[in-house]
Every structure is written in C-alpha cells, then in structure tokens.
Amino acid sequence: PAPAAEVYRNGGLAIDFDSHVVTRDGAE
C-alpha cells in the first residue's frame, strides 16, 4: 500500500495518484 501522495513512474510516464495529474516526459 502506498501513501496518499504516491507518484507512479514508468519510463517517461508519471501518475500522481493524490492529485490525479498524469505527465509524459514532464508534460501534463
């Protein structure tokens, strides 16, 4: 189980599960 502010990273993809913000290579 991850903390509320968990950020998932996979290659250039990132998902902030707390804010529901998704970025690819730094761009939202």
mmCIF file of all heavy atoms, coordinates in Angstrom:
data_MODEL
# 
_entry.id   MODEL 
# 
loop_
_atom_site.group_PDB 
_atom_site.id 
_atom_site.type_symbol 
_atom_site.label_atom_id 
_atom_site.label_alt_id 
_atom_site.label_comp_id 
_atom_site.label_asym_id 
_atom_site.label_entity_id 
_atom_site.label_seq_id 
_atom_site.pdbx_PDB_ins_code 
_atom_site.Cartn_x 
_atom_site.Cartn_y 
_atom_site.Cartn_z 
_atom_site.occupancy 
_atom_site.B_iso_or_equiv 
_atom_site.pdbx_formal_charge 
_atom_site.auth_seq_id 
_atom_site.auth_comp_id 
_atom_site.auth_asym_id 
_atom_site.auth_atom_id 
_atom_site.pdbx_PDB_model_num 
ATOM 1   N N   . PRO A 1 1  ? 0.836  -1.202 0.000   1.00 0.00 ? 1  PRO A N   1 
ATOM 2   C CA  . PRO A 1 1  ? 0.000  0.000  0.000   1.00 0.00 ? 1  PRO A CA  1 
ATOM 3   C C   . PRO A 1 1  ? 0.870  1.252  0.000   1.00 0.00 ? 1  PRO A C   1 
ATOM 4   O O   . PRO A 1 1  ? 1.874  1.334  0.703   1.00 0.00 ? 1  PRO A O   1 
ATOM 5   C CB  . PRO A 1 1  ? -0.797 -0.123 1.310   1.00 0.00 ? 1  PRO A CB  1 
ATOM 6   C CG  . PRO A 1 1  ? -0.798 -1.590 1.602   1.00 0.00 ? 1  PRO A CG  1 
ATOM 7   C CD  . PRO A 1 1  ? 0.520  -2.108 1.105   1.00 0.00 ? 1  PRO A CD  1 
ATOM 8   N N   . ALA A 1 2  ? 0.482  2.230  -0.797  1.00 0.00 ? 2  ALA A N   1 
ATOM 9   C CA  . ALA A 1 2  ? 1.294  3.437  -0.949  1.00 0.00 ? 2  ALA A CA  1 
ATOM 10  C C   . ALA A 1 2  ? 0.695  4.601  -0.163  1.00 0.00 ? 2  ALA A C   1 
ATOM 11  O O   . ALA A 1 2  ? -0.501 4.632  0.124   1.00 0.00 ? 2  ALA A O   1 
ATOM 12  C CB  . ALA A 1 2  ? 1.371  3.813  -2.419  1.00 0.00 ? 2  ALA A CB  1 
ATOM 13  N N   . PRO A 1 3  ? 1.510  5.558  0.224   1.00 0.00 ? 3  PRO A N   1 
ATOM 14  C CA  . PRO A 1 3  ? 0.985  6.743  0.896   1.00 0.00 ? 3  PRO A CA  1 
ATOM 15  C C   . PRO A 1 3  ? 0.111  7.541  -0.057  1.00 0.00 ? 3  PRO A C   1 
ATOM 16  O O   . PRO A 1 3  ? 0.142  7.353  -1.271  1.00 0.00 ? 3  PRO A O   1 
ATOM 17  C CB  . PRO A 1 3  ? 2.263  7.533  1.268   1.00 0.00 ? 3  PRO A CB  1 
ATOM 18  C CG  . PRO A 1 3  ? 3.302  7.042  0.320   1.00 0.00 ? 3  PRO A CG  1 
ATOM 19  C CD  . PRO A 1 3  ? 2.966  5.601  0.065   1.00 0.00 ? 3  PRO A CD  1 
ATOM 20  N N   . ALA A 1 4  ? -0.659 8.474  0.495   1.00 0.00 ? 4  ALA A N   1 
ATOM 21  C CA  . ALA A 1 4  ? -1.628 9.218  -0.310  1.00 0.00 ? 4  ALA A CA  1 
ATOM 22  C C   . ALA A 1 4  ? -0.973 9.969  -1.462  1.00 0.00 ? 4  ALA A C   1 
ATOM 23  O O   . ALA A 1 4  ? -1.569 10.141 -2.510  1.00 0.00 ? 4  ALA A O   1 
ATOM 24  C CB  . ALA A 1 4  ? -2.405 10.189 0.582   1.00 0.00 ? 4  ALA A CB  1 
ATOM 25  N N   . ALA A 1 5  ? 0.259  10.441 -1.258  1.00 0.00 ? 5  ALA A N   1 
ATOM 26  C CA  . ALA A 1 5  ? 0.916  11.258 -2.279  1.00 0.00 ? 5  ALA A CA  1 
ATOM 27  C C   . ALA A 1 5  ? 1.797  10.416 -3.197  1.00 0.00 ? 5  ALA A C   1 
ATOM 28  O O   . ALA A 1 5  ? 2.734  10.934 -3.789  1.00 0.00 ? 5  ALA A O   1 
ATOM 29  C CB  . ALA A 1 5  ? 1.737  12.349 -1.613  1.00 0.00 ? 5  ALA A CB  1 
ATOM 30  N N   . GLU A 1 6  ? 1.503  9.141  -3.320  1.00 0.00 ? 6  GLU A N   1 
ATOM 31  C CA  . GLU A 1 6  ? 2.309  8.254  -4.147  1.00 0.00 ? 6  GLU A CA  1 
ATOM 32  C C   . GLU A 1 6  ? 2.375  8.741  -5.586  1.00 0.00 ? 6  GLU A C   1 
ATOM 33  O O   . GLU A 1 6  ? 1.369  9.153  -6.164  1.00 0.00 ? 6  GLU A O   1 
ATOM 34  C CB  . GLU A 1 6  ? 1.709  6.847  -4.128  1.00 0.00 ? 6  GLU A CB  1 
ATOM 35  C CG  . GLU A 1 6  ? 2.413  5.877  -5.057  1.00 0.00 ? 6  GLU A CG  1 
ATOM 36  C CD  . GLU A 1 6  ? 1.622  4.603  -5.282  1.00 0.00 ? 6  GLU A CD  1 
ATOM 37  O OE1 . GLU A 1 6  ? 0.483  4.521  -4.792  1.00 0.00 ? 6  GLU A OE1 1 
ATOM 38  O OE2 . GLU A 1 6  ? 2.147  3.708  -5.946  1.00 0.00 ? 6  GLU A OE2 1 
ATOM 39  N N   . VAL A 1 7  ? 3.562  8.698  -6.150  1.00 0.00 ? 7  VAL A N   1 
ATOM 40  C CA  . VAL A 1 7  ? 3.741  9.013  -7.565  1.00 0.00 ? 7  VAL A CA  1 
ATOM 41  C C   . VAL A 1 7  ? 4.268  7.767  -8.261  1.00 0.00 ? 7  VAL A C   1 
ATOM 42  O O   . VAL A 1 7  ? 5.303  7.225  -7.890  1.00 0.00 ? 7  VAL A O   1 
ATOM 43  C CB  . VAL A 1 7  ? 4.718  10.186 -7.774  1.00 0.00 ? 7  VAL A CB  1 
ATOM 44  C CG1 . VAL A 1 7  ? 4.945  10.416 -9.273  1.00 0.00 ? 7  VAL A CG1 1 
ATOM 45  C CG2 . VAL A 1 7  ? 4.183  11.458 -7.127  1.00 0.00 ? 7  VAL A CG2 1 
ATOM 46  N N   . TYR A 1 8  ? 3.539  7.314  -9.260  1.00 0.00 ? 8  TYR A N   1 
ATOM 47  C CA  . TYR A 1 8  ? 3.918  6.142  -10.053 1.00 0.00 ? 8  TYR A CA  1 
ATOM 48  C C   . TYR A 1 8  ? 4.793  6.608  -11.201 1.00 0.00 ? 8  TYR A C   1 
ATOM 49  O O   . TYR A 1 8  ? 4.481  7.576  -11.896 1.00 0.00 ? 8  TYR A O   1 
ATOM 50  C CB  . TYR A 1 8  ? 2.650  5.480  -10.582 1.00 0.00 ? 8  TYR A CB  1 
ATOM 51  C CG  . TYR A 1 8  ? 2.851  4.423  -11.656 1.00 0.00 ? 8  TYR A CG  1 
ATOM 52  C CD1 . TYR A 1 8  ? 3.044  3.092  -11.312 1.00 0.00 ? 8  TYR A CD1 1 
ATOM 53  C CD2 . TYR A 1 8  ? 2.813  4.768  -13.010 1.00 0.00 ? 8  TYR A CD2 1 
ATOM 54  C CE1 . TYR A 1 8  ? 3.200  2.126  -12.292 1.00 0.00 ? 8  TYR A CE1 1 
ATOM 55  C CE2 . TYR A 1 8  ? 2.969  3.806  -13.993 1.00 0.00 ? 8  TYR A CE2 1 
ATOM 56  C CZ  . TYR A 1 8  ? 3.167  2.476  -13.623 1.00 0.00 ? 8  TYR A CZ  1 
ATOM 57  O OH  . TYR A 1 8  ? 3.324  1.527  -14.596 1.00 0.00 ? 8  TYR A OH  1 
ATOM 58  N N   . ARG A 1 9  ? 5.922  5.929  -11.410 1.00 0.00 ? 9  ARG A N   1 
ATOM 59  C CA  . ARG A 1 9  ? 6.815  6.266  -12.508 1.00 0.00 ? 9  ARG A CA  1 
ATOM 60  C C   . ARG A 1 9  ? 7.120  5.018  -13.323 1.00 0.00 ? 9  ARG A C   1 
ATOM 61  O O   . ARG A 1 9  ? 7.438  3.969  -12.761 1.00 0.00 ? 9  ARG A O   1 
ATOM 62  C CB  . ARG A 1 9  ? 8.112  6.898  -11.992 1.00 0.00 ? 9  ARG A CB  1 
ATOM 63  C CG  . ARG A 1 9  ? 7.878  8.184  -11.216 1.00 0.00 ? 9  ARG A CG  1 
ATOM 64  C CD  . ARG A 1 9  ? 9.170  8.902  -10.859 1.00 0.00 ? 9  ARG A CD  1 
ATOM 65  N NE  . ARG A 1 9  ? 8.904  10.036 -9.984  1.00 0.00 ? 9  ARG A NE  1 
ATOM 66  C CZ  . ARG A 1 9  ? 8.457  11.210 -10.396 1.00 0.00 ? 9  ARG A CZ  1 
ATOM 67  N NH1 . ARG A 1 9  ? 8.244  11.424 -11.683 1.00 0.00 ? 9  ARG A NH1 1 
ATOM 68  N NH2 . ARG A 1 9  ? 8.239  12.195 -9.539  1.00 0.00 ? 9  ARG A NH2 1 
ATOM 69  N N   . ASN A 1 10 ? 7.021  5.153  -14.609 1.00 0.00 ? 10 ASN A N   1 
ATOM 70  C CA  . ASN A 1 10 ? 7.264  4.042  -15.527 1.00 0.00 ? 10 ASN A CA  1 
ATOM 71  C C   . ASN A 1 10 ? 7.791  4.647  -16.820 1.00 0.00 ? 10 ASN A C   1 
ATOM 72  O O   . ASN A 1 10 ? 7.029  5.218  -17.594 1.00 0.00 ? 10 ASN A O   1 
ATOM 73  C CB  . ASN A 1 10 ? 5.968  3.260  -15.764 1.00 0.00 ? 10 ASN A CB  1 
ATOM 74  C CG  . ASN A 1 10 ? 6.180  2.033  -16.621 1.00 0.00 ? 10 ASN A CG  1 
ATOM 75  O OD1 . ASN A 1 10 ? 7.310  1.653  -16.933 1.00 0.00 ? 10 ASN A OD1 1 
ATOM 76  N ND2 . ASN A 1 10 ? 5.085  1.401  -17.024 1.00 0.00 ? 10 ASN A ND2 1 
ATOM 77  N N   . GLY A 1 11 ? 9.103  4.514  -17.064 1.00 0.00 ? 11 GLY A N   1 
ATOM 78  C CA  . GLY A 1 11 ? 9.689  5.173  -18.218 1.00 0.00 ? 11 GLY A CA  1 
ATOM 79  C C   . GLY A 1 11 ? 9.458  6.668  -18.114 1.00 0.00 ? 11 GLY A C   1 
ATOM 80  O O   . GLY A 1 11 ? 9.727  7.281  -17.075 1.00 0.00 ? 11 GLY A O   1 
ATOM 81  N N   . GLY A 1 12 ? 8.935  7.288  -19.153 1.00 0.00 ? 12 GLY A N   1 
ATOM 82  C CA  . GLY A 1 12 ? 8.647  8.720  -19.127 1.00 0.00 ? 12 GLY A CA  1 
ATOM 83  C C   . GLY A 1 12 ? 7.276  9.058  -18.585 1.00 0.00 ? 12 GLY A C   1 
ATOM 84  O O   . GLY A 1 12 ? 6.904  10.236 -18.525 1.00 0.00 ? 12 GLY A O   1 
ATOM 85  N N   . LEU A 1 13 ? 6.511  8.041  -18.177 1.00 0.00 ? 13 LEU A N   1 
ATOM 86  C CA  . LEU A 1 13 ? 5.151  8.247  -17.677 1.00 0.00 ? 13 LEU A CA  1 
ATOM 87  C C   . LEU A 1 13 ? 5.155  8.403  -16.158 1.00 0.00 ? 13 LEU A C   1 
ATOM 88  O O   . LEU A 1 13 ? 5.819  7.651  -15.447 1.00 0.00 ? 13 LEU A O   1 
ATOM 89  C CB  . LEU A 1 13 ? 4.276  7.053  -18.073 1.00 0.00 ? 13 LEU A CB  1 
ATOM 90  C CG  . LEU A 1 13 ? 2.794  7.106  -17.704 1.00 0.00 ? 13 LEU A CG  1 
ATOM 91  C CD1 . LEU A 1 13 ? 2.088  8.194  -18.493 1.00 0.00 ? 13 LEU A CD1 1 
ATOM 92  C CD2 . LEU A 1 13 ? 2.145  5.744  -17.967 1.00 0.00 ? 13 LEU A CD2 1 
ATOM 93  N N   . ALA A 1 14 ? 4.406  9.385  -15.664 1.00 0.00 ? 14 ALA A N   1 
ATOM 94  C CA  . ALA A 1 14 ? 4.276  9.586  -14.220 1.00 0.00 ? 14 ALA A CA  1 
ATOM 95  C C   . ALA A 1 14 ? 2.812  9.862  -13.885 1.00 0.00 ? 14 ALA A C   1 
ATOM 96  O O   . ALA A 1 14 ? 2.126  10.583 -14.608 1.00 0.00 ? 14 ALA A O   1 
ATOM 97  C CB  . ALA A 1 14 ? 5.148  10.740 -13.746 1.00 0.00 ? 14 ALA A CB  1 
ATOM 98  N N   . ILE A 1 15 ? 2.351  9.266  -12.778 1.00 0.00 ? 15 ILE A N   1 
ATOM 99  C CA  . ILE A 1 15 ? 0.974  9.474  -12.318 1.00 0.00 ? 15 ILE A CA  1 
ATOM 100 C C   . ILE A 1 15 ? 1.025  9.861  -10.851 1.00 0.00 ? 15 ILE A C   1 
ATOM 101 O O   . ILE A 1 15 ? 1.527  9.092  -10.018 1.00 0.00 ? 15 ILE A O   1 
ATOM 102 C CB  . ILE A 1 15 ? 0.117  8.198  -12.468 1.00 0.00 ? 15 ILE A CB  1 
ATOM 103 C CG1 . ILE A 1 15 ? 0.178  7.653  -13.899 1.00 0.00 ? 15 ILE A CG1 1 
ATOM 104 C CG2 . ILE A 1 15 ? -1.323 8.477  -12.062 1.00 0.00 ? 15 ILE A CG2 1 
ATOM 105 C CD1 . ILE A 1 15 ? -0.444 6.269  -14.043 1.00 0.00 ? 15 ILE A CD1 1 
ATOM 106 N N   . ASP A 1 16 ? 0.532  11.019 -10.515 1.00 0.00 ? 16 ASP A N   1 
ATOM 107 C CA  . ASP A 1 16 ? 0.394  11.439 -9.125  1.00 0.00 ? 16 ASP A CA  1 
ATOM 108 C C   . ASP A 1 16 ? -1.001 11.016 -8.677  1.00 0.00 ? 16 ASP A C   1 
ATOM 109 O O   . ASP A 1 16 ? -1.997 11.647 -9.034  1.00 0.00 ? 16 ASP A O   1 
ATOM 110 C CB  . ASP A 1 16 ? 0.570  12.954 -9.004  1.00 0.00 ? 16 ASP A CB  1 
ATOM 111 C CG  . ASP A 1 16 ? 0.617  13.416 -7.552  1.00 0.00 ? 16 ASP A CG  1 
ATOM 112 O OD1 . ASP A 1 16 ? -0.121 12.830 -6.728  1.00 0.00 ? 16 ASP A OD1 1 
ATOM 113 O OD2 . ASP A 1 16 ? 1.382  14.335 -7.253  1.00 0.00 ? 16 ASP A OD2 1 
ATOM 114 N N   . PHE A 1 17 ? -1.065 9.934  -7.912  1.00 0.00 ? 17 PHE A N   1 
ATOM 115 C CA  . PHE A 1 17 ? -2.364 9.385  -7.519  1.00 0.00 ? 17 PHE A CA  1 
ATOM 116 C C   . PHE A 1 17 ? -3.103 10.305 -6.546  1.00 0.00 ? 17 PHE A C   1 
ATOM 117 O O   . PHE A 1 17 ? -4.316 10.191 -6.392  1.00 0.00 ? 17 PHE A O   1 
ATOM 118 C CB  . PHE A 1 17 ? -2.191 7.995  -6.895  1.00 0.00 ? 17 PHE A CB  1 
ATOM 119 C CG  . PHE A 1 17 ? -1.798 6.936  -7.882  1.00 0.00 ? 17 PHE A CG  1 
ATOM 120 C CD1 . PHE A 1 17 ? -0.616 6.218  -7.725  1.00 0.00 ? 17 PHE A CD1 1 
ATOM 121 C CD2 . PHE A 1 17 ? -2.598 6.636  -8.971  1.00 0.00 ? 17 PHE A CD2 1 
ATOM 122 C CE1 . PHE A 1 17 ? -0.254 5.238  -8.633  1.00 0.00 ? 17 PHE A CE1 1 
ATOM 123 C CE2 . PHE A 1 17 ? -2.246 5.667  -9.883  1.00 0.00 ? 17 PHE A CE2 1 
ATOM 124 C CZ  . PHE A 1 17 ? -1.068 4.954  -9.716  1.00 0.00 ? 17 PHE A CZ  1 
ATOM 125 N N   . ASP A 1 18 ? -2.376 11.198 -5.887  1.00 0.00 ? 18 ASP A N   1 
ATOM 126 C CA  . ASP A 1 18 ? -3.021 12.105 -4.936  1.00 0.00 ? 18 ASP A CA  1 
ATOM 127 C C   . ASP A 1 18 ? -3.746 13.225 -5.669  1.00 0.00 ? 18 ASP A C   1 
ATOM 128 O O   . ASP A 1 18 ? -4.896 13.557 -5.359  1.00 0.00 ? 18 ASP A O   1 
ATOM 129 C CB  . ASP A 1 18 ? -1.963 12.684 -3.995  1.00 0.00 ? 18 ASP A CB  1 
ATOM 130 C CG  . ASP A 1 18 ? -2.581 13.480 -2.861  1.00 0.00 ? 18 ASP A CG  1 
ATOM 131 O OD1 . ASP A 1 18 ? -3.663 13.082 -2.384  1.00 0.00 ? 18 ASP A OD1 1 
ATOM 132 O OD2 . ASP A 1 18 ? -1.995 14.486 -2.450  1.00 0.00 ? 18 ASP A OD2 1 
ATOM 133 N N   . SER A 1 19 ? -3.088 13.804 -6.680  1.00 0.00 ? 19 SER A N   1 
ATOM 134 C CA  . SER A 1 19 ? -3.676 14.937 -7.403  1.00 0.00 ? 19 SER A CA  1 
ATOM 135 C C   . SER A 1 19 ? -4.338 14.543 -8.717  1.00 0.00 ? 19 SER A C   1 
ATOM 136 O O   . SER A 1 19 ? -4.951 15.376 -9.377  1.00 0.00 ? 19 SER A O   1 
ATOM 137 C CB  . SER A 1 19 ? -2.588 15.977 -7.699  1.00 0.00 ? 19 SER A CB  1 
ATOM 138 O OG  . SER A 1 19 ? -1.601 15.438 -8.575  1.00 0.00 ? 19 SER A OG  1 
ATOM 139 N N   . HIS A 1 20 ? -4.183 13.250 -9.107  1.00 0.00 ? 20 HIS A N   1 
ATOM 140 C CA  . HIS A 1 20 ? -4.727 12.748 -10.380 1.00 0.00 ? 20 HIS A CA  1 
ATOM 141 C C   . HIS A 1 20 ? -4.083 13.446 -11.588 1.00 0.00 ? 20 HIS A C   1 
ATOM 142 O O   . HIS A 1 20 ? -4.723 13.566 -12.634 1.00 0.00 ? 20 HIS A O   1 
ATOM 143 C CB  . HIS A 1 20 ? -6.252 12.906 -10.440 1.00 0.00 ? 20 HIS A CB  1 
ATOM 144 C CG  . HIS A 1 20 ? -6.986 11.993 -9.518  1.00 0.00 ? 20 HIS A CG  1 
ATOM 145 N ND1 . HIS A 1 20 ? -8.319 11.688 -9.663  1.00 0.00 ? 20 HIS A ND1 1 
ATOM 146 C CD2 . HIS A 1 20 ? -6.585 11.308 -8.423  1.00 0.00 ? 20 HIS A CD2 1 
ATOM 147 C CE1 . HIS A 1 20 ? -8.700 10.860 -8.700  1.00 0.00 ? 20 HIS A CE1 1 
ATOM 148 N NE2 . HIS A 1 20 ? -7.653 10.625 -7.933  1.00 0.00 ? 20 HIS A NE2 1 
ATOM 149 N N   . VAL A 1 21 ? -2.847 13.857 -11.432 1.00 0.00 ? 21 VAL A N   1 
ATOM 150 C CA  . VAL A 1 21 ? -2.131 14.501 -12.529 1.00 0.00 ? 21 VAL A CA  1 
ATOM 151 C C   . VAL A 1 21 ? -1.238 13.476 -13.223 1.00 0.00 ? 21 VAL A C   1 
ATOM 152 O O   . VAL A 1 21 ? -0.483 12.751 -12.573 1.00 0.00 ? 21 VAL A O   1 
ATOM 153 C CB  . VAL A 1 21 ? -1.270 15.681 -12.020 1.00 0.00 ? 21 VAL A CB  1 
ATOM 154 C CG1 . VAL A 1 21 ? -0.367 16.213 -13.140 1.00 0.00 ? 21 VAL A CG1 1 
ATOM 155 C CG2 . VAL A 1 21 ? -2.171 16.796 -11.505 1.00 0.00 ? 21 VAL A CG2 1 
ATOM 156 N N   . VAL A 1 22 ? -1.333 13.420 -14.552 1.00 0.00 ? 22 VAL A N   1 
ATOM 157 C CA  . VAL A 1 22 ? -0.535 12.493 -15.361 1.00 0.00 ? 22 VAL A CA  1 
ATOM 158 C C   . VAL A 1 22 ? 0.404  13.302 -16.237 1.00 0.00 ? 22 VAL A C   1 
ATOM 159 O O   . VAL A 1 22 ? -0.022 14.290 -16.860 1.00 0.00 ? 22 VAL A O   1 
ATOM 160 C CB  . VAL A 1 22 ? -1.445 11.606 -16.241 1.00 0.00 ? 22 VAL A CB  1 
ATOM 161 C CG1 . VAL A 1 22 ? -0.604 10.684 -17.135 1.00 0.00 ? 22 VAL A CG1 1 
ATOM 162 C CG2 . VAL A 1 22 ? -2.387 10.787 -15.367 1.00 0.00 ? 22 VAL A CG2 1 
ATOM 163 N N   . THR A 1 23 ? 1.660  12.914 -16.282 1.00 0.00 ? 23 THR A N   1 
ATOM 164 C CA  . THR A 1 23 ? 2.616  13.578 -17.159 1.00 0.00 ? 23 THR A CA  1 
ATOM 165 C C   . THR A 1 23 ? 3.372  12.542 -17.981 1.00 0.00 ? 23 THR A C   1 
ATOM 166 O O   . THR A 1 23 ? 3.551  11.406 -17.556 1.00 0.00 ? 23 THR A O   1 
ATOM 167 C CB  . THR A 1 23 ? 3.637  14.423 -16.371 1.00 0.00 ? 23 THR A CB  1 
ATOM 168 O OG1 . THR A 1 23 ? 4.363  13.571 -15.474 1.00 0.00 ? 23 THR A OG1 1 
ATOM 169 C CG2 . THR A 1 23 ? 2.954  15.530 -15.602 1.00 0.00 ? 23 THR A CG2 1 
ATOM 170 N N   . ARG A 1 24 ? 3.787  12.967 -19.168 1.00 0.00 ? 24 ARG A N   1 
ATOM 171 C CA  . ARG A 1 24 ? 4.645  12.142 -20.021 1.00 0.00 ? 24 ARG A CA  1 
ATOM 172 C C   . ARG A 1 24 ? 5.828  12.987 -20.444 1.00 0.00 ? 24 ARG A C   1 
ATOM 173 O O   . ARG A 1 24 ? 5.646  14.039 -21.036 1.00 0.00 ? 24 ARG A O   1 
ATOM 174 C CB  . ARG A 1 24 ? 3.894  11.634 -21.248 1.00 0.00 ? 24 ARG A CB  1 
ATOM 175 C CG  . ARG A 1 24 ? 4.618  10.471 -21.947 1.00 0.00 ? 24 ARG A CG  1 
ATOM 176 C CD  . ARG A 1 24 ? 4.029  10.162 -23.305 1.00 0.00 ? 24 ARG A CD  1 
ATOM 177 N NE  . ARG A 1 24 ? 4.534  11.107 -24.296 1.00 0.00 ? 24 ARG A NE  1 
ATOM 178 C CZ  . ARG A 1 24 ? 4.057  11.216 -25.534 1.00 0.00 ? 24 ARG A CZ  1 
ATOM 179 N NH1 . ARG A 1 24 ? 3.038  10.482 -25.924 1.00 0.00 ? 24 ARG A NH1 1 
ATOM 180 N NH2 . ARG A 1 24 ? 4.564  12.094 -26.378 1.00 0.00 ? 24 ARG A NH2 1 
ATOM 181 N N   . ASP A 1 25 ? 7.010  12.515 -20.068 1.00 0.00 ? 25 ASP A N   1 
ATOM 182 C CA  . ASP A 1 25 ? 8.247  13.264 -20.330 1.00 0.00 ? 25 ASP A CA  1 
ATOM 183 C C   . ASP A 1 25 ? 8.152  14.686 -19.791 1.00 0.00 ? 25 ASP A C   1 
ATOM 184 O O   . ASP A 1 25 ? 8.618  15.647 -20.409 1.00 0.00 ? 25 ASP A O   1 
ATOM 185 C CB  . ASP A 1 25 ? 8.554  13.286 -21.832 1.00 0.00 ? 25 ASP A CB  1 
ATOM 186 C CG  . ASP A 1 25 ? 8.771  11.884 -22.398 1.00 0.00 ? 25 ASP A CG  1 
ATOM 187 O OD1 . ASP A 1 25 ? 9.284  11.025 -21.652 1.00 0.00 ? 25 ASP A OD1 1 
ATOM 188 O OD2 . ASP A 1 25 ? 8.429  11.656 -23.567 1.00 0.00 ? 25 ASP A OD2 1 
ATOM 189 N N   . GLY A 1 26 ? 7.506  14.816 -18.625 1.00 0.00 ? 26 GLY A N   1 
ATOM 190 C CA  . GLY A 1 26 ? 7.424  16.105 -17.950 1.00 0.00 ? 26 GLY A CA  1 
ATOM 191 C C   . GLY A 1 26 ? 6.270  16.977 -18.361 1.00 0.00 ? 26 GLY A C   1 
ATOM 192 O O   . GLY A 1 26 ? 5.971  17.975 -17.684 1.00 0.00 ? 26 GLY A O   1 
ATOM 193 N N   . ALA A 1 27 ? 5.583  16.660 -19.438 1.00 0.00 ? 27 ALA A N   1 
ATOM 194 C CA  . ALA A 1 27 ? 4.453  17.466 -19.911 1.00 0.00 ? 27 ALA A CA  1 
ATOM 195 C C   . ALA A 1 27 ? 3.140  16.852 -19.431 1.00 0.00 ? 27 ALA A C   1 
ATOM 196 O O   . ALA A 1 27 ? 2.951  15.632 -19.524 1.00 0.00 ? 27 ALA A O   1 
ATOM 197 C CB  . ALA A 1 27 ? 4.468  17.552 -21.434 1.00 0.00 ? 27 ALA A CB  1 
ATOM 198 N N   . GLU A 1 28 ? 2.238  17.687 -18.924 1.00 0.00 ? 28 GLU A N   1 
ATOM 199 C CA  . GLU A 1 28 ? 0.970  17.167 -18.410 1.00 0.00 ? 28 GLU A CA  1 
ATOM 200 C C   . GLU A 1 28 ? 0.111  16.604 -19.528 1.00 0.00 ? 28 GLU A C   1 
ATOM 201 O O   . GLU A 1 28 ? 0.019  17.183 -20.615 1.00 0.00 ? 28 GLU A O   1 
ATOM 202 C CB  . GLU A 1 28 ? 0.199  18.260 -17.679 1.00 0.00 ? 28 GLU A CB  1 
ATOM 203 C CG  . GLU A 1 28 ? -1.065 17.744 -17.006 1.00 0.00 ? 28 GLU A CG  1 
ATOM 204 C CD  . GLU A 1 28 ? -1.729 18.756 -16.091 1.00 0.00 ? 28 GLU A CD  1 
ATOM 205 O OE1 . GLU A 1 28 ? -1.109 19.822 -15.847 1.00 0.00 ? 28 GLU A OE1 1 
ATOM 206 O OE2 . GLU A 1 28 ? -2.853 18.491 -15.633 1.00 0.00 ? 28 GLU A OE2 1 
# 
